[in-house]
Amino acid sequence: MLNRATVLHRWGVSSLARVESKGVEVNRQDKQRIVEELHAAWSESSAGVVAQYRGLTVAEMGLLRRRLHEQNVSLQVVKNTLARRAAEGTGFKAAEELFTGPVAIAYGNDPVAMAKAIADFAKEHKALEIRGGVLDGKMMDAAGVISLAKLPPREVLLAKLLGSMQSPISGFVRVLAEVPASFVRTLAAIRDQKQAA
């Protein structure tokens, strides 16, 4: 059986948080480190999704972690009491009521990619139930997470924004360029008139 020293030595604090609910004793100092690590990570994250994972196999959880990792999203399974403590002073405090039962908490800075990856995984694996999430300190229900997943990727949204910003600017530049050209054409017409006379 694994003890906490072995887990800490081999896999670090975040792994200790995952296995503490599996019967490994965790002392107060280790719990404090888990809370501090989560608090720091959640303070830097703009979005999170809370999902109930009851019924998923270890292999399926590994697959979910890999898919989220591809989107630069982290996934934590931690005791709810520790999650509530870590949420203090962060935007995740808004989602505190979702920390009941066996939940996995995904967090990162690209809310659309995160929601899309989790929603797609939930479609394939019915055991994963999206409970809600948090976006910039405001709680979302499961429907909010699903609608967020339907948005286009961040790069597409940025391209559309830049395109809409560029359009008025290029029109303004054309107008400004037309003023001197019009002035030159007027002068040329006056010159031609004087030469003809």
C-alpha atoms as a PDB file:
ATOM      1  CA  MET A   1       0.000   0.000   0.000  1.00  0.00           C
ATOM      2  CA  LEU A   2       1.193   3.488  -0.803  1.00  0.00           C
ATOM      3  CA  ASN A   3       1.962   5.868   2.009  1.00  0.00           C
ATOM      4  CA  ARG A   4       1.955   9.648   1.731  1.00  0.00           C
ATOM      5  CA  ALA A   5       5.756   9.945   1.764  1.00  0.00           C
ATOM      6  CA  THR A   6       6.033   7.617  -1.231  1.00  0.00           C
ATOM      7  CA  VAL A   7       3.346   9.507  -3.157  1.00  0.00           C
ATOM      8  CA  LEU A   8       4.935  12.879  -2.371  1.00  0.00           C
ATOM      9  CA  HIS A   9       8.391  11.675  -3.333  1.00  0.00           C
ATOM     10  CA  ARG A  10       7.368   9.969  -6.581  1.00  0.00           C
ATOM     11  CA  TRP A  11       4.557  12.124  -7.944  1.00  0.00           C
ATOM     12  CA  GLY A  12       4.340  15.421  -6.032  1.00  0.00           C
ATOM     13  CA  VAL A  13       1.616  17.351  -4.264  1.00  0.00           C
ATOM     14  CA  SER A  14      -1.019  17.255  -7.004  1.00  0.00           C
ATOM     15  CA  SER A  15      -0.826  13.462  -7.128  1.00  0.00           C
ATOM     16  CA  LEU A  16      -1.150  13.342  -3.376  1.00  0.00           C
ATOM     17  CA  ALA A  17      -4.385  15.300  -3.707  1.00  0.00           C
ATOM     18  CA  ARG A  18      -5.715  12.709  -6.145  1.00  0.00           C
ATOM     19  CA  VAL A  19      -4.860   9.669  -4.035  1.00  0.00           C
ATOM     20  CA  GLU A  20      -5.794  11.030  -0.633  1.00  0.00           C
ATOM     21  CA  SER A  21      -9.394  10.021  -1.186  1.00  0.00           C
ATOM     22  CA  LYS A  22      -8.281   6.450  -1.951  1.00  0.00           C
ATOM     23  CA  GLY A  23      -7.362   5.612   1.632  1.00  0.00           C
ATOM     24  CA  VAL A  24      -3.871   7.086   1.892  1.00  0.00           C
ATOM     25  CA  GLU A  25      -3.452   9.029   5.116  1.00  0.00           C
ATOM     26  CA  VAL A  26      -2.582  12.655   4.581  1.00  0.00           C
ATOM     27  CA  ASN A  27      -1.345  14.815   7.424  1.00  0.00           C
ATOM     28  CA  ARG A  28      -2.224  18.441   8.049  1.00  0.00           C
ATOM     29  CA  GLN A  29       0.944  19.835   6.432  1.00  0.00           C
ATOM     30  CA  ASP A  30       0.294  17.901   3.233  1.00  0.00           C
ATOM     31  CA  LYS A  31      -3.301  19.119   3.138  1.00  0.00           C
ATOM     32  CA  GLN A  32      -2.084  22.701   3.593  1.00  0.00           C
ATOM     33  CA  ARG A  33       0.322  22.263   0.662  1.00  0.00           C
ATOM     34  CA  ILE A  34      -2.521  20.917  -1.487  1.00  0.00           C
ATOM     35  CA  VAL A  35      -4.711  23.901  -0.592  1.00  0.00           C
ATOM     36  CA  GLU A  36      -1.890  26.365  -1.287  1.00  0.00           C
ATOM     37  CA  GLU A  37      -1.077  24.747  -4.640  1.00  0.00           C
ATOM     38  CA  LEU A  38      -4.714  24.776  -5.755  1.00  0.00           C
ATOM     39  CA  HIS A  39      -5.228  28.334  -4.489  1.00  0.00           C
ATOM     40  CA  ALA A  40      -2.223  29.555  -6.493  1.00  0.00           C
ATOM     41  CA  ALA A  41      -3.343  27.719  -9.640  1.00  0.00           C
ATOM     42  CA  TRP A  42      -6.953  28.908  -9.346  1.00  0.00           C
ATOM     43  CA  SER A  43      -5.832  32.498  -8.718  1.00  0.00           C
ATOM     44  CA  GLU A  44      -4.107  32.461 -12.115  1.00  0.00           C
ATOM     45  CA  SER A  45      -7.021  30.758 -13.925  1.00  0.00           C
ATOM     46  CA  SER A  46      -9.891  32.639 -15.506  1.00  0.00           C
ATOM     47  CA  ALA A  47     -12.244  29.686 -15.890  1.00  0.00           C
ATOM     48  CA  GLY A  48     -13.100  26.304 -14.454  1.00  0.00           C
ATOM     49  CA  VAL A  49     -15.510  23.439 -14.987  1.00  0.00           C
ATOM     50  CA  VAL A  50     -16.775  21.125 -12.259  1.00  0.00           C
ATOM     51  CA  ALA A  51     -17.872  17.640 -13.313  1.00  0.00           C
ATOM     52  CA  GLN A  52     -18.959  14.531 -11.478  1.00  0.00           C
ATOM     53  CA  TYR A  53     -16.813  11.598 -12.547  1.00  0.00           C
ATOM     54  CA  ARG A  54     -18.500   8.698 -10.737  1.00  0.00           C
ATOM     55  CA  GLY A  55     -18.471   5.671 -13.025  1.00  0.00           C
ATOM     56  CA  LEU A  56     -15.419   6.601 -15.097  1.00  0.00           C
ATOM     57  CA  THR A  57     -12.591   4.086 -15.167  1.00  0.00           C
ATOM     58  CA  VAL A  58      -8.987   5.014 -14.415  1.00  0.00           C
ATOM     59  CA  ALA A  59      -8.192   4.699 -18.134  1.00  0.00           C
ATOM     60  CA  GLU A  60     -11.052   7.054 -19.030  1.00  0.00           C
ATOM     61  CA  MET A  61      -9.887   9.596 -16.438  1.00  0.00           C
ATOM     62  CA  GLY A  62      -6.395   9.366 -17.944  1.00  0.00           C
ATOM     63  CA  LEU A  63      -7.834   9.989 -21.395  1.00  0.00           C
ATOM     64  CA  LEU A  64      -9.762  13.018 -20.102  1.00  0.00           C
ATOM     65  CA  ARG A  65      -6.585  14.402 -18.501  1.00  0.00           C
ATOM     66  CA  ARG A  66      -4.653  13.974 -21.760  1.00  0.00           C
ATOM     67  CA  ARG A  67      -7.347  15.720 -23.821  1.00  0.00           C
ATOM     68  CA  LEU A  68      -7.464  18.601 -21.364  1.00  0.00           C
ATOM     69  CA  HIS A  69      -3.674  18.786 -21.225  1.00  0.00           C
ATOM     70  CA  GLU A  70      -3.651  19.254 -25.024  1.00  0.00           C
ATOM     71  CA  GLN A  71      -5.739  22.405 -24.422  1.00  0.00           C
ATOM     72  CA  ASN A  72      -3.442  23.627 -21.582  1.00  0.00           C
ATOM     73  CA  VAL A  73      -6.094  22.793 -19.001  1.00  0.00           C
ATOM     74  CA  SER A  74      -5.411  21.092 -15.665  1.00  0.00           C
ATOM     75  CA  LEU A  75      -7.750  18.634 -13.945  1.00  0.00           C
ATOM     76  CA  GLN A  76      -7.800  17.998 -10.194  1.00  0.00           C
ATOM     77  CA  VAL A  77      -9.668  15.476  -8.128  1.00  0.00           C
ATOM     78  CA  VAL A  78      -9.512  16.663  -4.547  1.00  0.00           C
ATOM     79  CA  LYS A  79     -11.598  16.406  -1.403  1.00  0.00           C
ATOM     80  CA  ASN A  80     -14.400  18.940  -1.385  1.00  0.00           C
ATOM     81  CA  THR A  81     -13.358  20.462   1.944  1.00  0.00           C
ATOM     82  CA  LEU A  82      -9.881  21.153   0.573  1.00  0.00           C
ATOM     83  CA  ALA A  83     -11.375  22.548  -2.638  1.00  0.00           C
ATOM     84  CA  ARG A  84     -13.549  24.944  -0.619  1.00  0.00           C
ATOM     85  CA  ARG A  85     -10.511  26.156   1.324  1.00  0.00           C
ATOM     86  CA  ALA A  86      -8.485  26.602  -1.864  1.00  0.00           C
ATOM     87  CA  ALA A  87     -11.337  28.557  -3.476  1.00  0.00           C
ATOM     88  CA  GLU A  88     -11.247  31.267  -0.776  1.00  0.00           C
ATOM     89  CA  GLY A  89     -10.092  34.529  -2.321  1.00  0.00           C
ATOM     90  CA  THR A  90     -10.274  33.269  -5.925  1.00  0.00           C
ATOM     91  CA  GLY A  91     -12.914  33.360  -8.651  1.00  0.00           C
ATOM     92  CA  PHE A  92     -13.644  29.711  -7.880  1.00  0.00           C
ATOM     93  CA  LYS A  93     -15.438  30.771  -4.683  1.00  0.00           C
ATOM     94  CA  ALA A  94     -18.506  31.350  -6.898  1.00  0.00           C
ATOM     95  CA  ALA A  95     -18.619  27.632  -7.776  1.00  0.00           C
ATOM     96  CA  GLU A  96     -18.232  26.456  -4.188  1.00  0.00           C
ATOM     97  CA  GLU A  97     -21.752  25.021  -4.052  1.00  0.00           C
ATOM     98  CA  LEU A  98     -20.777  22.576  -6.832  1.00  0.00           C
ATOM     99  CA  PHE A  99     -18.117  20.958  -4.616  1.00  0.00           C
ATOM    100  CA  THR A 100     -20.283  18.065  -3.416  1.00  0.00           C
ATOM    101  CA  GLY A 101     -19.798  14.392  -4.130  1.00  0.00           C
ATOM    102  CA  PRO A 102     -16.970  13.021  -6.259  1.00  0.00           C
ATOM    103  CA  VAL A 103     -16.043  15.950  -8.495  1.00  0.00           C
ATOM    104  CA  ALA A 104     -13.188  16.696 -10.840  1.00  0.00           C
ATOM    105  CA  ILE A 105     -12.291  20.344 -11.281  1.00  0.00           C
ATOM    106  CA  ALA A 106     -10.773  21.517 -14.566  1.00  0.00           C
ATOM    107  CA  TYR A 107      -9.165  24.949 -14.696  1.00  0.00           C
ATOM    108  CA  GLY A 108      -7.242  27.094 -17.150  1.00  0.00           C
ATOM    109  CA  ASN A 109      -7.278  30.320 -19.120  1.00  0.00           C
ATOM    110  CA  ASP A 110      -9.048  29.301 -22.332  1.00  0.00           C
ATOM    111  CA  PRO A 111     -12.670  28.781 -21.292  1.00  0.00           C
ATOM    112  CA  VAL A 112     -13.941  27.842 -24.760  1.00  0.00           C
ATOM    113  CA  ALA A 113     -11.316  25.138 -25.366  1.00  0.00           C
ATOM    114  CA  MET A 114     -11.842  23.767 -21.841  1.00  0.00           C
ATOM    115  CA  ALA A 115     -15.630  23.637 -22.153  1.00  0.00           C
ATOM    116  CA  LYS A 116     -15.399  22.122 -25.642  1.00  0.00           C
ATOM    117  CA  ALA A 117     -12.981  19.367 -24.514  1.00  0.00           C
ATOM    118  CA  ILE A 118     -15.083  18.442 -21.478  1.00  0.00           C
ATOM    119  CA  ALA A 119     -18.407  18.605 -23.361  1.00  0.00           C
ATOM    120  CA  ASP A 120     -17.040  16.408 -26.154  1.00  0.00           C
ATOM    121  CA  PHE A 121     -15.713  13.910 -23.612  1.00  0.00           C
ATOM    122  CA  ALA A 122     -19.056  13.917 -21.756  1.00  0.00           C
ATOM    123  CA  LYS A 123     -20.865  13.101 -25.022  1.00  0.00           C
ATOM    124  CA  GLU A 124     -18.618  10.066 -25.519  1.00  0.00           C
ATOM    125  CA  HIS A 125     -18.647   8.963 -21.851  1.00  0.00           C
ATOM    126  CA  LYS A 126     -22.069   9.312 -20.274  1.00  0.00           C
ATOM    127  CA  ALA A 127     -20.607   8.712 -16.788  1.00  0.00           C
ATOM    128  CA  LEU A 128     -19.043  12.205 -16.813  1.00  0.00           C
ATOM    129  CA  GLU A 129     -21.691  14.702 -15.756  1.00  0.00           C
ATOM    130  CA  ILE A 130     -20.975  18.420 -16.114  1.00  0.00           C
ATOM    131  CA  ARG A 131     -22.284  20.166 -12.997  1.00  0.00           C
ATOM    132  CA  GLY A 132     -21.329  23.745 -13.835  1.00  0.00           C
ATOM    133  CA  GLY A 133     -18.379  26.052 -13.836  1.00  0.00           C
ATOM    134  CA  VAL A 134     -16.940  29.451 -13.200  1.00  0.00           C
ATOM    135  CA  LEU A 135     -15.951  32.166 -15.675  1.00  0.00           C
ATOM    136  CA  ASP A 136     -14.184  35.307 -14.439  1.00  0.00           C
ATOM    137  CA  GLY A 137     -15.546  34.847 -10.920  1.00  0.00           C
ATOM    138  CA  LYS A 138     -19.154  34.180 -11.958  1.00  0.00           C
ATOM    139  CA  MET A 139     -20.821  30.800 -11.645  1.00  0.00           C
ATOM    140  CA  MET A 140     -22.300  29.054 -14.693  1.00  0.00           C
ATOM    141  CA  ASP A 141     -24.681  26.134 -14.685  1.00  0.00           C
ATOM    142  CA  ALA A 142     -24.174  23.063 -16.871  1.00  0.00           C
ATOM    143  CA  ALA A 143     -26.147  24.664 -19.719  1.00  0.00           C
ATOM    144  CA  GLY A 144     -23.792  27.660 -19.602  1.00  0.00           C
ATOM    145  CA  VAL A 145     -20.783  25.377 -19.956  1.00  0.00           C
ATOM    146  CA  ILE A 146     -22.416  23.579 -22.910  1.00  0.00           C
ATOM    147  CA  SER A 147     -23.235  26.869 -24.653  1.00  0.00           C
ATOM    148  CA  LEU A 148     -19.661  28.040 -24.044  1.00  0.00           C
ATOM    149  CA  ALA A 149     -18.469  24.842 -25.727  1.00  0.00           C
ATOM    150  CA  LYS A 150     -20.462  25.743 -28.845  1.00  0.00           C
ATOM    151  CA  LEU A 151     -18.535  28.987 -29.394  1.00  0.00           C
ATOM    152  CA  PRO A 152     -15.837  29.025 -32.073  1.00  0.00           C
ATOM    153  CA  PRO A 153     -12.223  28.567 -30.906  1.00  0.00           C
ATOM    154  CA  ARG A 154     -10.314  31.531 -29.474  1.00  0.00           C
ATOM    155  CA  GLU A 155      -8.228  32.016 -32.631  1.00  0.00           C
ATOM    156  CA  VAL A 156     -11.340  32.275 -34.808  1.00  0.00           C
ATOM    157  CA  LEU A 157     -12.934  34.797 -32.441  1.00  0.00           C
ATOM    158  CA  LEU A 158      -9.743  36.892 -32.422  1.00  0.00           C
ATOM    159  CA  ALA A 159      -9.553  36.787 -36.232  1.00  0.00           C
ATOM    160  CA  LYS A 160     -13.171  37.963 -36.497  1.00  0.00           C
ATOM    161  CA  LEU A 161     -12.512  40.745 -33.986  1.00  0.00           C
ATOM    162  CA  LEU A 162      -9.422  41.924 -35.846  1.00  0.00           C
ATOM    163  CA  GLY A 163     -11.271  41.779 -39.156  1.00  0.00           C
ATOM    164  CA  SER A 164     -14.107  43.907 -37.818  1.00  0.00           C
ATOM    165  CA  MET A 165     -11.622  46.381 -36.335  1.00  0.00           C
ATOM    166  CA  GLN A 166      -9.571  46.539 -39.541  1.00  0.00           C
ATOM    167  CA  SER A 167     -12.543  47.236 -41.813  1.00  0.00           C
ATOM    168  CA  PRO A 168     -13.398  50.735 -40.470  1.00  0.00           C
ATOM    169  CA  ILE A 169      -9.715  51.655 -40.240  1.00  0.00           C
ATOM    170  CA  SER A 170      -9.002  50.693 -43.854  1.00  0.00           C
ATOM    171  CA  GLY A 171     -12.076  52.642 -44.989  1.00  0.00           C
ATOM    172  CA  PHE A 172     -10.870  55.685 -43.050  1.00  0.00           C
ATOM    173  CA  VAL A 173      -7.419  55.382 -44.645  1.00  0.00           C
ATOM    174  CA  ARG A 174      -9.001  55.214 -48.123  1.00  0.00           C
ATOM    175  CA  VAL A 175     -10.995  58.392 -47.401  1.00  0.00           C
ATOM    176  CA  LEU A 176      -7.891  60.175 -46.166  1.00  0.00           C
ATOM    177  CA  ALA A 177      -5.931  59.052 -49.216  1.00  0.00           C
ATOM    178  CA  GLU A 178      -8.748  60.197 -51.508  1.00  0.00           C
ATOM    179  CA  VAL A 179      -8.596  63.823 -50.274  1.00  0.00           C
ATOM    180  CA  PRO A 180      -5.061  64.533 -51.605  1.00  0.00           C
ATOM    181  CA  ALA A 181      -5.770  62.560 -54.814  1.00  0.00           C
ATOM    182  CA  SER A 182      -8.930  64.572 -55.403  1.00  0.00           C
ATOM    183  CA  PHE A 183      -7.022  67.801 -54.753  1.00  0.00           C
ATOM    184  CA  VAL A 184      -4.330  66.778 -57.270  1.00  0.00           C
ATOM    185  CA  ARG A 185      -6.961  65.928 -59.901  1.00  0.00           C
ATOM    186  CA  THR A 186      -8.648  69.313 -59.344  1.00  0.00           C
ATOM    187  CA  LEU A 187      -5.308  71.136 -59.767  1.00  0.00           C
ATOM    188  CA  ALA A 188      -4.597  69.148 -62.935  1.00  0.00           C
ATOM    189  CA  ALA A 189      -8.019  70.088 -64.347  1.00  0.00           C
ATOM    190  CA  ILE A 190      -7.411  73.797 -63.561  1.00  0.00           C
ATOM    191  CA  ARG A 191      -3.960  73.592 -65.212  1.00  0.00           C
ATOM    192  CA  ASP A 192      -5.456  71.933 -68.307  1.00  0.00           C
ATOM    193  CA  GLN A 193      -8.169  74.615 -68.477  1.00  0.00           C
ATOM    194  CA  LYS A 194      -5.600  77.447 -68.320  1.00  0.00           C
ATOM    195  CA  GLN A 195      -3.436  75.809 -70.957  1.00  0.00           C
ATOM    196  CA  ALA A 196      -6.429  75.387 -73.276  1.00  0.00           C
ATOM    197  CA  ALA A 197      -7.423  79.011 -72.897  1.00  0.00           C
END
